[in-house]
Amino acid sequence: MMALVWAIDLVVQFVKILGGRHRVAAVVRLAAWLALIALVAAGVVLLLWGIKALYDYLATLPPTSQEAAR
């Protein structure tokens, strides 16, 4: 449970840095923005990879017909 509190605290600090409420060097703020962009890009790539993997799996299944289901 304490790990969740620490994780939430880290997210709050990160948002403060991004938003400019926490005084840090411009390099740190730039690095935070670049890290956020990289994280979002990685999430998009992971999502697209998952969709492609699902498509490839579904393509191997035999086709079904509506008449066979009746």
N, C-alpha and C. Protein backbone atom coordinates (compact mmCIF):
# COMPACT_ATOMS: atom_id res chain seq x y z
N MET A 1 0.83 -1.18 0.00
CA MET A 1 0.00 0.00 0.00
C MET A 1 0.88 1.26 0.00
N MET A 2 1.98 1.18 0.72
CA MET A 2 2.87 2.33 0.78
C MET A 2 3.51 2.60 -0.58
N ALA A 3 3.75 1.54 -1.36
CA ALA A 3 4.32 1.72 -2.70
C ALA A 3 3.36 2.51 -3.58
N LEU A 4 2.07 2.29 -3.41
CA LEU A 4 1.08 3.05 -4.18
C LEU A 4 1.13 4.53 -3.80
N VAL A 5 1.29 4.83 -2.54
CA VAL A 5 1.41 6.22 -2.08
C VAL A 5 2.65 6.87 -2.68
N TRP A 6 3.75 6.15 -2.70
CA TRP A 6 4.98 6.69 -3.29
C TRP A 6 4.82 6.92 -4.78
N ALA A 7 4.16 5.99 -5.46
CA ALA A 7 3.94 6.14 -6.90
C ALA A 7 3.06 7.36 -7.19
N ILE A 8 2.02 7.54 -6.41
CA ILE A 8 1.16 8.71 -6.58
C ILE A 8 1.94 9.99 -6.32
N ASP A 9 2.79 9.98 -5.30
CA ASP A 9 3.61 11.15 -4.98
C ASP A 9 4.57 11.48 -6.13
N LEU A 10 5.17 10.45 -6.73
CA LEU A 10 6.05 10.67 -7.88
C LEU A 10 5.28 11.28 -9.06
N VAL A 11 4.09 10.79 -9.30
CA VAL A 11 3.28 11.33 -10.40
C VAL A 11 2.93 12.79 -10.13
N VAL A 12 2.58 13.10 -8.90
CA VAL A 12 2.24 14.49 -8.54
C VAL A 12 3.45 15.39 -8.74
N GLN A 13 4.62 14.96 -8.30
CA GLN A 13 5.83 15.76 -8.49
C GLN A 13 6.14 15.94 -9.97
N PHE A 14 5.97 14.89 -10.76
CA PHE A 14 6.22 14.96 -12.19
C PHE A 14 5.28 15.96 -12.86
N VAL A 15 4.02 15.92 -12.48
CA VAL A 15 3.04 16.86 -13.05
C VAL A 15 3.37 18.29 -12.63
N LYS A 16 3.82 18.48 -11.41
CA LYS A 16 4.22 19.82 -10.97
C LYS A 16 5.40 20.34 -11.78
N ILE A 17 6.35 19.46 -12.08
CA ILE A 17 7.50 19.86 -12.89
C ILE A 17 7.05 20.23 -14.30
N LEU A 18 6.19 19.40 -14.88
CA LEU A 18 5.71 19.68 -16.23
C LEU A 18 4.90 20.96 -16.29
N GLY A 19 4.12 21.20 -15.28
CA GLY A 19 3.25 22.37 -15.26
C GLY A 19 3.93 23.66 -14.86
N GLY A 20 5.15 23.58 -14.36
CA GLY A 20 5.87 24.78 -13.99
C GLY A 20 5.63 25.25 -12.56
N ARG A 21 4.90 24.49 -11.76
CA ARG A 21 4.65 24.88 -10.37
C ARG A 21 5.85 24.59 -9.47
N HIS A 22 6.68 23.67 -9.90
CA HIS A 22 7.89 23.29 -9.14
C HIS A 22 9.09 23.90 -9.86
N ARG A 23 9.86 24.71 -9.17
CA ARG A 23 10.99 25.40 -9.78
C ARG A 23 12.15 24.43 -9.99
N VAL A 24 12.42 24.14 -11.25
CA VAL A 24 13.55 23.30 -11.61
C VAL A 24 14.25 23.94 -12.80
N ALA A 25 15.44 23.45 -13.10
CA ALA A 25 16.18 23.96 -14.24
C ALA A 25 15.42 23.64 -15.53
N ALA A 26 15.64 24.45 -16.53
CA ALA A 26 14.95 24.26 -17.81
C ALA A 26 15.32 22.91 -18.44
N VAL A 27 16.54 22.47 -18.20
CA VAL A 27 16.96 21.18 -18.75
C VAL A 27 16.15 20.05 -18.14
N VAL A 28 15.86 20.12 -16.86
CA VAL A 28 15.08 19.08 -16.19
C VAL A 28 13.66 19.08 -16.74
N ARG A 29 13.09 20.26 -16.93
CA ARG A 29 11.73 20.35 -17.47
C ARG A 29 11.69 19.79 -18.89
N LEU A 30 12.69 20.12 -19.70
CA LEU A 30 12.76 19.61 -21.06
C LEU A 30 12.90 18.08 -21.05
N ALA A 31 13.74 17.57 -20.17
CA ALA A 31 13.91 16.11 -20.07
C ALA A 31 12.61 15.44 -19.63
N ALA A 32 11.87 16.08 -18.74
CA ALA A 32 10.59 15.51 -18.30
C ALA A 32 9.60 15.45 -19.46
N TRP A 33 9.55 16.51 -20.25
CA TRP A 33 8.65 16.51 -21.41
C TRP A 33 9.07 15.46 -22.42
N LEU A 34 10.37 15.33 -22.68
CA LEU A 34 10.84 14.32 -23.61
C LEU A 34 10.54 12.90 -23.10
N ALA A 35 10.67 12.70 -21.81
CA ALA A 35 10.36 11.39 -21.22
C ALA A 35 8.87 11.09 -21.37
N LEU A 36 8.04 12.09 -21.18
CA LEU A 36 6.59 11.89 -21.33
C LEU A 36 6.25 11.56 -22.77
N ILE A 37 6.84 12.26 -23.72
CA ILE A 37 6.58 12.00 -25.14
C ILE A 37 7.05 10.59 -25.50
N ALA A 38 8.22 10.19 -25.00
CA ALA A 38 8.73 8.85 -25.27
C ALA A 38 7.82 7.78 -24.67
N LEU A 39 7.29 8.04 -23.48
CA LEU A 39 6.40 7.09 -22.83
C LEU A 39 5.10 6.95 -23.61
N VAL A 40 4.55 8.05 -24.09
CA VAL A 40 3.33 7.99 -24.89
C VAL A 40 3.59 7.26 -26.20
N ALA A 41 4.72 7.55 -26.85
CA ALA A 41 5.06 6.87 -28.10
C ALA A 41 5.22 5.37 -27.88
N ALA A 42 5.86 4.99 -26.79
CA ALA A 42 6.02 3.57 -26.49
C ALA A 42 4.66 2.91 -26.25
N GLY A 43 3.76 3.61 -25.59
CA GLY A 43 2.41 3.08 -25.37
C GLY A 43 1.66 2.87 -26.67
N VAL A 44 1.80 3.82 -27.60
CA VAL A 44 1.13 3.69 -28.90
C VAL A 44 1.71 2.51 -29.66
N VAL A 45 3.03 2.38 -29.65
CA VAL A 45 3.67 1.25 -30.34
C VAL A 45 3.21 -0.07 -29.73
N LEU A 46 3.13 -0.14 -28.42
CA LEU A 46 2.69 -1.36 -27.76
C LEU A 46 1.24 -1.68 -28.11
N LEU A 47 0.39 -0.69 -28.16
CA LEU A 47 -1.00 -0.89 -28.53
C LEU A 47 -1.12 -1.39 -29.97
N LEU A 48 -0.38 -0.77 -30.89
CA LEU A 48 -0.41 -1.21 -32.28
C LEU A 48 0.14 -2.62 -32.44
N TRP A 49 1.19 -2.95 -31.69
CA TRP A 49 1.74 -4.30 -31.73
C TRP A 49 0.70 -5.31 -31.24
N GLY A 50 -0.02 -4.97 -30.19
CA GLY A 50 -1.06 -5.86 -29.67
C GLY A 50 -2.19 -6.05 -30.66
N ILE A 51 -2.59 -4.98 -31.34
CA ILE A 51 -3.64 -5.10 -32.34
C ILE A 51 -3.18 -5.98 -33.49
N LYS A 52 -1.93 -5.81 -33.93
CA LYS A 52 -1.40 -6.64 -35.02
C LYS A 52 -1.31 -8.11 -34.59
N ALA A 53 -0.87 -8.36 -33.37
CA ALA A 53 -0.79 -9.73 -32.88
C ALA A 53 -2.18 -10.37 -32.82
N LEU A 54 -3.18 -9.61 -32.39
CA LEU A 54 -4.55 -10.12 -32.35
C LEU A 54 -5.05 -10.41 -33.76
N TYR A 55 -4.76 -9.51 -34.70
CA TYR A 55 -5.17 -9.73 -36.09
C TYR A 55 -4.51 -10.98 -36.66
N ASP A 56 -3.23 -11.16 -36.40
CA ASP A 56 -2.53 -12.34 -36.90
C ASP A 56 -3.10 -13.62 -36.29
N TYR A 57 -3.46 -13.57 -35.02
CA TYR A 57 -4.05 -14.74 -34.37
C TYR A 57 -5.42 -15.04 -34.95
N LEU A 58 -6.23 -14.01 -35.13
CA LEU A 58 -7.58 -14.23 -35.65
C LEU A 58 -7.54 -14.69 -37.10
N ALA A 59 -6.52 -14.32 -37.85
CA ALA A 59 -6.41 -14.74 -39.24
C ALA A 59 -6.13 -16.23 -39.35
N THR A 60 -5.57 -16.85 -38.31
CA THR A 60 -5.27 -18.28 -38.36
C THR A 60 -6.47 -19.13 -38.01
N LEU A 61 -7.51 -18.55 -37.46
CA LEU A 61 -8.70 -19.32 -37.09
C LEU A 61 -9.49 -19.68 -38.34
N PRO A 62 -10.12 -20.84 -38.34
CA PRO A 62 -10.92 -21.21 -39.51
C PRO A 62 -12.15 -20.31 -39.60
N PRO A 63 -12.58 -20.02 -40.82
CA PRO A 63 -13.75 -19.17 -40.97
C PRO A 63 -15.01 -19.88 -40.48
N THR A 64 -15.94 -19.13 -40.00
CA THR A 64 -17.22 -19.68 -39.58
C THR A 64 -18.28 -19.19 -40.52
N SER A 65 -19.30 -19.99 -40.67
CA SER A 65 -20.41 -19.58 -41.52
C SER A 65 -21.66 -19.42 -40.68
N GLN A 66 -22.56 -18.62 -41.14
CA GLN A 66 -23.80 -18.40 -40.41
C GLN A 66 -24.71 -19.64 -40.49
N GLU A 67 -24.63 -20.38 -41.58
CA GLU A 67 -25.48 -21.55 -41.73
C GLU A 67 -25.07 -22.67 -40.79
N ALA A 68 -23.79 -22.78 -40.49
CA ALA A 68 -23.32 -23.83 -39.59
C ALA A 68 -23.77 -23.55 -38.15
N ALA A 69 -24.00 -22.30 -37.83
CA ALA A 69 -24.40 -21.95 -36.49
C ALA A 69 -25.89 -22.25 -36.24
N ARG A 70 -26.67 -22.40 -37.29
CA ARG A 70 -28.12 -22.64 -37.14
C ARG A 70 -28.43 -24.03 -36.83
